[in-house]
Amino acid sequence: MTLWFTGRHSFTVKFSKKYILWNGTTLISGGNLSGVIGKLKRLIIKGANKYIAYGTKAKEYLEYFGATPPKIHIGLNTVNTNYFQKSVSNYRKSQE
């Protein structure tokens, strides 16, 4: 995937195309933050025109790699927790 995205990034630079980067990675789960991989991440992240992050920790990850904070938008990725709470409760009652 890294090679695929690197090729895409080269295309966007060569033909002046804009792209939005959608990120859910955090500094804790992000793997390599330095070295060649870190530099590649920085290049790709800094090259994006806008960003969508799953939450504040994903936003911090983007900022760490050089994303401009006003261009980062936090998108909510939620579910109806009441539905799942009731479903689990009903399932547990059926197992008794």
PDB file of N, CA and C in Angstrom:
ATOM      1  N   MET A   1       0.825  -1.186   0.000  1.00  0.00           N
ATOM      2  CA  MET A   1       0.000   0.000   0.000  1.00  0.00           C
ATOM      3  C   MET A   1       0.872   1.253   0.000  1.00  0.00           C
ATOM      4  N   THR A   2       1.988   1.233   0.693  1.00  0.00           N
ATOM      5  CA  THR A   2       2.854   2.400   0.731  1.00  0.00           C
ATOM      6  C   THR A   2       3.343   2.753  -0.664  1.00  0.00           C
ATOM      7  N   LEU A   3       3.758   1.739  -1.445  1.00  0.00           N
ATOM      8  CA  LEU A   3       4.224   2.005  -2.804  1.00  0.00           C
ATOM      9  C   LEU A   3       3.095   2.539  -3.670  1.00  0.00           C
ATOM     10  N   TRP A   4       1.892   1.973  -3.510  1.00  0.00           N
ATOM     11  CA  TRP A   4       0.740   2.437  -4.272  1.00  0.00           C
ATOM     12  C   TRP A   4       0.474   3.906  -3.955  1.00  0.00           C
ATOM     13  N   PHE A   5       0.456   4.250  -2.657  1.00  0.00           N
ATOM     14  CA  PHE A   5       0.148   5.613  -2.286  1.00  0.00           C
ATOM     15  C   PHE A   5       1.265   6.564  -2.692  1.00  0.00           C
ATOM     16  N   THR A   6       2.510   6.108  -2.617  1.00  0.00           N
ATOM     17  CA  THR A   6       3.633   6.945  -3.042  1.00  0.00           C
ATOM     18  C   THR A   6       3.491   7.287  -4.515  1.00  0.00           C
ATOM     19  N   GLY A   7       3.085   6.306  -5.322  1.00  0.00           N
ATOM     20  CA  GLY A   7       2.846   6.556  -6.740  1.00  0.00           C
ATOM     21  C   GLY A   7       1.728   7.559  -6.946  1.00  0.00           C
ATOM     22  N   ARG A   8       0.668   7.421  -6.160  1.00  0.00           N
ATOM     23  CA  ARG A   8      -0.455   8.365  -6.231  1.00  0.00           C
ATOM     24  C   ARG A   8       0.015   9.762  -5.845  1.00  0.00           C
ATOM     25  N   HIS A   9       0.825   9.833  -4.795  1.00  0.00           N
ATOM     26  CA  HIS A   9       1.322  11.133  -4.341  1.00  0.00           C
ATOM     27  C   HIS A   9       2.165  11.781  -5.438  1.00  0.00           C
ATOM     28  N   SER A  10       3.032  11.017  -6.084  1.00  0.00           N
ATOM     29  CA  SER A  10       3.852  11.549  -7.175  1.00  0.00           C
ATOM     30  C   SER A  10       2.975  12.091  -8.292  1.00  0.00           C
ATOM     31  N   PHE A  11       1.891  11.375  -8.606  1.00  0.00           N
ATOM     32  CA  PHE A  11       0.951  11.812  -9.636  1.00  0.00           C
ATOM     33  C   PHE A  11       0.328  13.153  -9.264  1.00  0.00           C
ATOM     34  N   THR A  12      -0.094  13.277  -8.003  1.00  0.00           N
ATOM     35  CA  THR A  12      -0.746  14.522  -7.583  1.00  0.00           C
ATOM     36  C   THR A  12       0.215  15.699  -7.628  1.00  0.00           C
ATOM     37  N   VAL A  13       1.474  15.464  -7.301  1.00  0.00           N
ATOM     38  CA  VAL A  13       2.468  16.531  -7.352  1.00  0.00           C
ATOM     39  C   VAL A  13       2.760  16.909  -8.796  1.00  0.00           C
ATOM     40  N   LYS A  14       2.991  15.905  -9.635  1.00  0.00           N
ATOM     41  CA  LYS A  14       3.353  16.149 -11.036  1.00  0.00           C
ATOM     42  C   LYS A  14       2.263  16.907 -11.788  1.00  0.00           C
ATOM     43  N   PHE A  15       1.003  16.561 -11.541  1.00  0.00           N
ATOM     44  CA  PHE A  15      -0.101  17.169 -12.276  1.00  0.00           C
ATOM     45  C   PHE A  15      -0.877  18.196 -11.441  1.00  0.00           C
ATOM     46  N   SER A  16      -0.295  18.642 -10.344  1.00  0.00           N
ATOM     47  CA  SER A  16      -0.906  19.666  -9.469  1.00  0.00           C
ATOM     48  C   SER A  16      -2.328  19.319  -9.058  1.00  0.00           C
ATOM     49  N   LYS A  17      -2.550  18.082  -8.672  1.00  0.00           N
ATOM     50  CA  LYS A  17      -3.862  17.638  -8.211  1.00  0.00           C
ATOM     51  C   LYS A  17      -3.933  17.751  -6.690  1.00  0.00           C
ATOM     52  N   LYS A  18      -5.084  18.103  -6.193  1.00  0.00           N
ATOM     53  CA  LYS A  18      -5.296  18.205  -4.761  1.00  0.00           C
ATOM     54  C   LYS A  18      -5.814  16.876  -4.225  1.00  0.00           C
ATOM     55  N   TYR A  19      -5.504  16.613  -2.957  1.00  0.00           N
ATOM     56  CA  TYR A  19      -6.063  15.418  -2.329  1.00  0.00           C
ATOM     57  C   TYR A  19      -6.338  15.674  -0.855  1.00  0.00           C
ATOM     58  N   ILE A  20      -7.336  14.939  -0.355  1.00  0.00           N
ATOM     59  CA  ILE A  20      -7.717  14.999   1.049  1.00  0.00           C
ATOM     60  C   ILE A  20      -7.241  13.711   1.704  1.00  0.00           C
ATOM     61  N   LEU A  21      -6.589  13.836   2.833  1.00  0.00           N
ATOM     62  CA  LEU A  21      -6.079  12.677   3.547  1.00  0.00           C
ATOM     63  C   LEU A  21      -7.006  12.373   4.720  1.00  0.00           C
ATOM     64  N   TRP A  22      -7.500  11.147   4.779  1.00  0.00           N
ATOM     65  CA  TRP A  22      -8.385  10.701   5.845  1.00  0.00           C
ATOM     66  C   TRP A  22      -7.548   9.848   6.775  1.00  0.00           C
ATOM     67  N   ASN A  23      -7.480  10.222   8.055  1.00  0.00           N
ATOM     68  CA  ASN A  23      -6.577   9.556   8.986  1.00  0.00           C
ATOM     69  C   ASN A  23      -7.273   9.118  10.264  1.00  0.00           C
ATOM     70  N   GLY A  24      -6.947   7.900  10.690  1.00  0.00           N
ATOM     71  CA  GLY A  24      -7.413   7.392  11.975  1.00  0.00           C
ATOM     72  C   GLY A  24      -6.255   6.938  12.842  1.00  0.00           C
ATOM     73  N   THR A  25      -5.034   7.118  12.344  1.00  0.00           N
ATOM     74  CA  THR A  25      -3.849   6.675  13.061  1.00  0.00           C
ATOM     75  C   THR A  25      -3.488   7.665  14.162  1.00  0.00           C
ATOM     76  N   THR A  26      -2.954   7.152  15.274  1.00  0.00           N
ATOM     77  CA  THR A  26      -2.510   7.994  16.376  1.00  0.00           C
ATOM     78  C   THR A  26      -1.007   7.825  16.575  1.00  0.00           C
ATOM     79  N   LEU A  27      -0.426   8.671  17.385  1.00  0.00           N
ATOM     80  CA  LEU A  27       1.014   8.564  17.661  1.00  0.00           C
ATOM     81  C   LEU A  27       1.348   7.243  18.346  1.00  0.00           C
ATOM     82  N   ILE A  28       0.422   6.705  19.124  1.00  0.00           N
ATOM     83  CA  ILE A  28       0.664   5.431  19.812  1.00  0.00           C
ATOM     84  C   ILE A  28       0.601   4.265  18.826  1.00  0.00           C
ATOM     85  N   SER A  29      -0.333   4.311  17.893  1.00  0.00           N
ATOM     86  CA  SER A  29      -0.518   3.190  16.959  1.00  0.00           C
ATOM     87  C   SER A  29       0.182   3.386  15.621  1.00  0.00           C
ATOM     88  N   GLY A  30       0.882   4.498  15.460  1.00  0.00           N
ATOM     89  CA  GLY A  30       1.402   4.878  14.153  1.00  0.00           C
ATOM     90  C   GLY A  30       2.637   4.177  13.648  1.00  0.00           C
ATOM     91  N   GLY A  31       3.272   3.331  14.460  1.00  0.00           N
ATOM     92  CA  GLY A  31       4.473   2.640  13.978  1.00  0.00           C
ATOM     93  C   GLY A  31       5.656   3.577  13.871  1.00  0.00           C
ATOM     94  N   ASN A  32       6.379   3.485  12.762  1.00  0.00           N
ATOM     95  CA  ASN A  32       7.593   4.283  12.563  1.00  0.00           C
ATOM     96  C   ASN A  32       7.274   5.773  12.459  1.00  0.00           C
ATOM     97  N   LEU A  33       7.889   6.529  13.357  1.00  0.00           N
ATOM     98  CA  LEU A  33       7.700   7.978  13.332  1.00  0.00           C
ATOM     99  C   LEU A  33       8.932   8.684  12.777  1.00  0.00           C
ATOM    100  N   SER A  34      10.007   7.934  12.594  1.00  0.00           N
ATOM    101  CA  SER A  34      11.249   8.539  12.105  1.00  0.00           C
ATOM    102  C   SER A  34      11.834   7.667  10.999  1.00  0.00           C
ATOM    103  N   GLY A  35      13.019   8.009  10.559  1.00  0.00           N
ATOM    104  CA  GLY A  35      13.670   7.248   9.503  1.00  0.00           C
ATOM    105  C   GLY A  35      13.019   7.486   8.157  1.00  0.00           C
ATOM    106  N   VAL A  36      13.260   6.571   7.229  1.00  0.00           N
ATOM    107  CA  VAL A  36      12.741   6.702   5.869  1.00  0.00           C
ATOM    108  C   VAL A  36      11.213   6.693   5.864  1.00  0.00           C
ATOM    109  N   ILE A  37      10.614   5.781   6.639  1.00  0.00           N
ATOM    110  CA  ILE A  37       9.146   5.696   6.686  1.00  0.00           C
ATOM    111  C   ILE A  37       8.563   6.988   7.258  1.00  0.00           C
ATOM    112  N   GLY A  38       9.173   7.503   8.308  1.00  0.00           N
ATOM    113  CA  GLY A  38       8.710   8.758   8.899  1.00  0.00           C
ATOM    114  C   GLY A  38       8.783   9.915   7.919  1.00  0.00           C
ATOM    115  N   LYS A  39       9.859   9.966   7.157  1.00  0.00           N
ATOM    116  CA  LYS A  39      10.002  11.031   6.152  1.00  0.00           C
ATOM    117  C   LYS A  39       8.955  10.894   5.054  1.00  0.00           C
ATOM    118  N   LEU A  40       8.667   9.659   4.654  1.00  0.00           N
ATOM    119  CA  LEU A  40       7.645   9.422   3.643  1.00  0.00           C
ATOM    120  C   LEU A  40       6.278   9.846   4.159  1.00  0.00           C
ATOM    121  N   LYS A  41       5.976   9.498   5.420  1.00  0.00           N
ATOM    122  CA  LYS A  41       4.706   9.914   6.021  1.00  0.00           C
ATOM    123  C   LYS A  41       4.609  11.439   6.040  1.00  0.00           C
ATOM    124  N   ARG A  42       5.689  12.098   6.447  1.00  0.00           N
ATOM    125  CA  ARG A  42       5.705  13.566   6.515  1.00  0.00           C
ATOM    126  C   ARG A  42       5.446  14.167   5.133  1.00  0.00           C
ATOM    127  N   LEU A  43       6.080  13.619   4.102  1.00  0.00           N
ATOM    128  CA  LEU A  43       5.911  14.108   2.737  1.00  0.00           C
ATOM    129  C   LEU A  43       4.460  13.987   2.287  1.00  0.00           C
ATOM    130  N   ILE A  44       3.872  12.840   2.522  1.00  0.00           N
ATOM    131  CA  ILE A  44       2.493  12.600   2.091  1.00  0.00           C
ATOM    132  C   ILE A  44       1.519  13.469   2.881  1.00  0.00           C
ATOM    133  N   ILE A  45       1.722  13.542   4.195  1.00  0.00           N
ATOM    134  CA  ILE A  45       0.806  14.326   5.031  1.00  0.00           C
ATOM    135  C   ILE A  45       0.919  15.814   4.719  1.00  0.00           C
ATOM    136  N   LYS A  46       2.123  16.329   4.602  1.00  0.00           N
ATOM    137  CA  LYS A  46       2.284  17.759   4.322  1.00  0.00           C
ATOM    138  C   LYS A  46       1.784  18.126   2.928  1.00  0.00           C
ATOM    139  N   GLY A  47       1.714  17.155   2.015  1.00  0.00           N
ATOM    140  CA  GLY A  47       1.274  17.436   0.660  1.00  0.00           C
ATOM    141  C   GLY A  47      -0.228  17.511   0.481  1.00  0.00           C
ATOM    142  N   ALA A  48      -0.975  17.049   1.470  1.00  0.00           N
ATOM    143  CA  ALA A  48      -2.437  17.069   1.362  1.00  0.00           C
ATOM    144  C   ALA A  48      -2.968  18.492   1.491  1.00  0.00           C
ATOM    145  N   ASN A  49      -4.105  18.734   0.865  1.00  0.00           N
ATOM    146  CA  ASN A  49      -4.714  20.056   0.919  1.00  0.00           C
ATOM    147  C   ASN A  49      -5.670  20.210   2.096  1.00  0.00           C
ATOM    148  N   LYS A  50      -6.282  19.131   2.490  1.00  0.00           N
ATOM    149  CA  LYS A  50      -7.203  19.102   3.637  1.00  0.00           C
ATOM    150  C   LYS A  50      -7.044  17.749   4.311  1.00  0.00           C
ATOM    151  N   TYR A  51      -7.559  17.667   5.547  1.00  0.00           N
ATOM    152  CA  TYR A  51      -7.447  16.435   6.323  1.00  0.00           C
ATOM    153  C   TYR A  51      -8.757  16.148   7.036  1.00  0.00           C
ATOM    154  N   ILE A  52      -9.050  14.864   7.165  1.00  0.00           N
ATOM    155  CA  ILE A  52     -10.161  14.414   7.999  1.00  0.00           C
ATOM    156  C   ILE A  52      -9.551  13.451   9.007  1.00  0.00           C
ATOM    157  N   ALA A  53      -9.775  13.723  10.288  1.00  0.00           N
ATOM    158  CA  ALA A  53      -9.253  12.869  11.349  1.00  0.00           C
ATOM    159  C   ALA A  53     -10.426  12.267  12.119  1.00  0.00           C
ATOM    160  N   TYR A  54     -10.247  11.033  12.610  1.00  0.00           N
ATOM    161  CA  TYR A  54     -11.308  10.373  13.373  1.00  0.00           C
ATOM    162  C   TYR A  54     -11.547  11.022  14.731  1.00  0.00           C
ATOM    163  N   GLY A  55     -10.527  11.655  15.289  1.00  0.00           N
ATOM    164  CA  GLY A  55     -10.671  12.272  16.608  1.00  0.00           C
ATOM    165  C   GLY A  55      -9.461  13.124  16.926  1.00  0.00           C
ATOM    166  N   THR A  56      -9.391  13.589  18.173  1.00  0.00           N
ATOM    167  CA  THR A  56      -8.316  14.497  18.557  1.00  0.00           C
ATOM    168  C   THR A  56      -6.943  13.827  18.518  1.00  0.00           C
ATOM    169  N   LYS A  57      -6.865  12.543  18.854  1.00  0.00           N
ATOM    170  CA  LYS A  57      -5.571  11.848  18.818  1.00  0.00           C
ATOM    171  C   LYS A  57      -5.082  11.686  17.380  1.00  0.00           C
ATOM    172  N   ALA A  58      -5.982  11.433  16.456  1.00  0.00           N
ATOM    173  CA  ALA A  58      -5.612  11.341  15.041  1.00  0.00           C
ATOM    174  C   ALA A  58      -5.209  12.723  14.522  1.00  0.00           C
ATOM    175  N   LYS A  59      -5.840  13.766  15.041  1.00  0.00           N
ATOM    176  CA  LYS A  59      -5.469  15.133  14.668  1.00  0.00           C
ATOM    177  C   LYS A  59      -4.053  15.438  15.153  1.00  0.00           C
ATOM    178  N   GLU A  60      -3.724  15.024  16.369  1.00  0.00           N
ATOM    179  CA  GLU A  60      -2.373  15.228  16.907  1.00  0.00           C
ATOM    180  C   GLU A  60      -1.326  14.528  16.038  1.00  0.00           C
ATOM    181  N   TYR A  61      -1.665  13.354  15.542  1.00  0.00           N
ATOM    182  CA  TYR A  61      -0.758  12.605  14.656  1.00  0.00           C
ATOM    183  C   TYR A  61      -0.461  13.417  13.390  1.00  0.00           C
ATOM    184  N   LEU A  62      -1.504  13.958  12.790  1.00  0.00           N
ATOM    185  CA  LEU A  62      -1.330  14.765  11.578  1.00  0.00           C
ATOM    186  C   LEU A  62      -0.491  16.006  11.861  1.00  0.00           C
ATOM    187  N   GLU A  63      -0.745  16.652  12.983  1.00  0.00           N
ATOM    188  CA  GLU A  63       0.025  17.843  13.356  1.00  0.00           C
ATOM    189  C   GLU A  63       1.491  17.497  13.585  1.00  0.00           C
ATOM    190  N   TYR A  64       1.748  16.341  14.184  1.00  0.00           N
ATOM    191  CA  TYR A  64       3.123  15.890  14.431  1.00  0.00           C
ATOM    192  C   TYR A  64       3.912  15.817  13.126  1.00  0.00           C
ATOM    193  N   PHE A  65       3.247  15.382  12.062  1.00  0.00           N
ATOM    194  CA  PHE A  65       3.903  15.239  10.764  1.00  0.00           C
ATOM    195  C   PHE A  65       3.795  16.487   9.891  1.00  0.00           C
ATOM    196  N   GLY A  66       3.310  17.592  10.444  1.00  0.00           N
ATOM    197  CA  GLY A  66       3.364  18.855   9.726  1.00  0.00           C
ATOM    198  C   GLY A  66       2.076  19.347   9.100  1.00  0.00           C
ATOM    199  N   ALA A  67       0.962  18.721   9.397  1.00  0.00           N
ATOM    200  CA  ALA A  67      -0.311  19.199   8.857  1.00  0.00           C
ATOM    201  C   ALA A  67      -0.671  20.538   9.501  1.00  0.00           C
ATOM    202  N   THR A  68      -1.242  21.424   8.734  1.00  0.00           N
ATOM    203  CA  THR A  68      -1.659  22.735   9.228  1.00  0.00           C
ATOM    204  C   THR A  68      -2.971  22.582   9.994  1.00  0.00           C
ATOM    205  N   PRO A  69      -2.991  22.914  11.295  1.00  0.00           N
ATOM    206  CA  PRO A  69      -4.196  22.695  12.119  1.00  0.00           C
ATOM    207  C   PRO A  69      -5.510  23.228  11.543  1.00  0.00           C
ATOM    208  N   PRO A  70      -5.578  24.441  10.942  1.00  0.00           N
ATOM    209  CA  PRO A  70      -6.869  24.894  10.402  1.00  0.00           C
ATOM    210  C   PRO A  70      -7.402  24.023   9.254  1.00  0.00           C
ATOM    211  N   LYS A  71      -6.543  23.240   8.626  1.00  0.00           N
ATOM    212  CA  LYS A  71      -6.977  22.394   7.517  1.00  0.00           C
ATOM    213  C   LYS A  71      -7.456  21.020   7.988  1.00  0.00           C
ATOM    214  N   ILE A  72      -7.351  20.750   9.295  1.00  0.00           N
ATOM    215  CA  ILE A  72      -7.752  19.448   9.845  1.00  0.00           C
ATOM    216  C   ILE A  72      -9.184  19.539  10.350  1.00  0.00           C
ATOM    217  N   HIS A  73     -10.022  18.648   9.862  1.00  0.00           N
ATOM    218  CA  HIS A  73     -11.421  18.579  10.282  1.00  0.00           C
ATOM    219  C   HIS A  73     -11.638  17.240  10.970  1.00  0.00           C
ATOM    220  N   ILE A  74     -12.278  17.289  12.122  1.00  0.00           N
ATOM    221  CA  ILE A  74     -12.533  16.051  12.854  1.00  0.00           C
ATOM    222  C   ILE A  74     -13.905  15.523  12.454  1.00  0.00           C
ATOM    223  N   GLY A  75     -13.899  14.324  11.894  1.00  0.00           N
ATOM    224  CA  GLY A  75     -15.134  13.660  11.513  1.00  0.00           C
ATOM    225  C   GLY A  75     -15.516  12.659  12.576  1.00  0.00           C
ATOM    226  N   LEU A  76     -16.764  12.590  12.892  1.00  0.00           N
ATOM    227  CA  LEU A  76     -17.211  11.666  13.917  1.00  0.00           C
ATOM    228  C   LEU A  76     -17.535  10.321  13.295  1.00  0.00           C
ATOM    229  N   ASN A  77     -17.042   9.302  13.908  1.00  0.00           N
ATOM    230  CA  ASN A  77     -17.259   7.936  13.442  1.00  0.00           C
ATOM    231  C   ASN A  77     -17.904   7.187  14.598  1.00  0.00           C
ATOM    232  N   THR A  78     -19.220   7.298  14.709  1.00  0.00           N
ATOM    233  CA  THR A  78     -19.901   6.747  15.875  1.00  0.00           C
ATOM    234  C   THR A  78     -20.977   5.760  15.471  1.00  0.00           C
ATOM    235  N   VAL A  79     -21.473   5.063  16.474  1.00  0.00           N
ATOM    236  CA  VAL A  79     -22.585   4.138  16.284  1.00  0.00           C
ATOM    237  C   VAL A  79     -23.610   4.420  17.376  1.00  0.00           C
ATOM    238  N   ASN A  80     -24.769   3.856  17.218  1.00  0.00           N
ATOM    239  CA  ASN A  80     -25.822   3.985  18.218  1.00  0.00           C
ATOM    240  C   ASN A  80     -25.515   3.002  19.354  1.00  0.00           C
ATOM    241  N   THR A  81     -24.859   3.475  20.397  1.00  0.00           N
ATOM    242  CA  THR A  81     -24.445   2.589  21.491  1.00  0.00           C
ATOM    243  C   THR A  81     -25.626   2.020  22.265  1.00  0.00           C
ATOM    244  N   ASN A  82     -26.748   2.752  22.329  1.00  0.00           N
ATOM    245  CA  ASN A  82     -27.933   2.239  23.012  1.00  0.00           C
ATOM    246  C   ASN A  82     -28.453   0.975  22.336  1.00  0.00           C
ATOM    247  N   TYR A  83     -28.437   0.955  21.014  1.00  0.00           N
ATOM    248  CA  TYR A  83     -28.885  -0.221  20.275  1.00  0.00           C
ATOM    249  C   TYR A  83     -28.042  -1.443  20.646  1.00  0.00           C
ATOM    250  N   PHE A  84     -26.734  -1.282  20.653  1.00  0.00           N
ATOM    251  CA  PHE A  84     -25.859  -2.407  20.954  1.00  0.00           C
ATOM    252  C   PHE A  84     -25.935  -2.820  22.419  1.00  0.00           C
ATOM    253  N   GLN A  85     -26.136  -1.863  23.302  1.00  0.00           N
ATOM    254  CA  GLN A  85     -26.284  -2.182  24.720  1.00  0.00           C
ATOM    255  C   GLN A  85     -27.538  -3.033  24.924  1.00  0.00           C
ATOM    256  N   LYS A  86     -28.640  -2.648  24.294  1.00  0.00           N
ATOM    257  CA  LYS A  86     -29.888  -3.421  24.402  1.00  0.00           C
ATOM    258  C   LYS A  86     -29.742  -4.794  23.761  1.00  0.00           C
ATOM    259  N   SER A  87     -29.068  -4.864  22.622  1.00  0.00           N
ATOM    260  CA  SER A  87     -28.871  -6.144  21.934  1.00  0.00           C
ATOM    261  C   SER A  87     -28.053  -7.110  22.784  1.00  0.00           C
ATOM    262  N   VAL A  88     -27.004  -6.614  23.398  1.00  0.00           N
ATOM    263  CA  VAL A  88     -26.172  -7.461  24.267  1.00  0.00           C
ATOM    264  C   VAL A  88     -26.973  -7.917  25.477  1.00  0.00           C
ATOM    265  N   SER A  89     -27.728  -7.005  26.060  1.00  0.00           N
ATOM    266  CA  SER A  89     -28.546  -7.344  27.224  1.00  0.00           C
ATOM    267  C   SER A  89     -29.578  -8.415  26.875  1.00  0.00           C
ATOM    268  N   ASN A  90     -30.228  -8.261  25.716  1.00  0.00           N
ATOM    269  CA  ASN A  90     -31.214  -9.276  25.287  1.00  0.00           C
ATOM    270  C   ASN A  90     -30.547 -10.611  25.014  1.00  0.00           C
ATOM    271  N   TYR A  91     -29.388 -10.589  24.419  1.00  0.00           N
ATOM    272  CA  TYR A  91     -28.662 -11.837  24.134  1.00  0.00           C
ATOM    273  C   TYR A  91     -28.285 -12.543  25.431  1.00  0.00           C
ATOM    274  N   ARG A  92     -27.779 -11.799  26.384  1.00  0.00           N
ATOM    275  CA  ARG A  92     -27.382 -12.401  27.662  1.00  0.00           C
ATOM    276  C   ARG A  92     -28.581 -13.000  28.376  1.00  0.00           C
ATOM    277  N   LYS A  93     -29.734 -12.320  28.320  1.00  0.00           N
ATOM    278  CA  LYS A  93     -30.953 -12.846  28.951  1.00  0.00           C
ATOM    279  C   LYS A  93     -31.398 -14.142  28.278  1.00  0.00           C
ATOM    280  N   SER A  94     -31.205 -14.222  26.974  1.00  0.00           N
ATOM    281  CA  SER A  94     -31.617 -15.426  26.246  1.00  0.00           C
ATOM    282  C   SER A  94     -30.710 -16.616  26.533  1.00  0.00           C
ATOM    283  N   GLN A  95     -29.499 -16.344  27.018  1.00  0.00           N
ATOM    284  CA  GLN A  95     -28.542 -17.420  27.306  1.00  0.00           C
ATOM    285  C   GLN A  95     -28.714 -17.989  28.718  1.00  0.00           C
ATOM    286  N   GLU A  96     -29.529 -17.341  29.544  1.00  0.00           N
ATOM    287  CA  GLU A  96     -29.731 -17.805  30.930  1.00  0.00           C
ATOM    288  C   GLU A  96     -30.627 -18.987  31.003  1.00  0.00           C
TER     289      GLU A  96
END
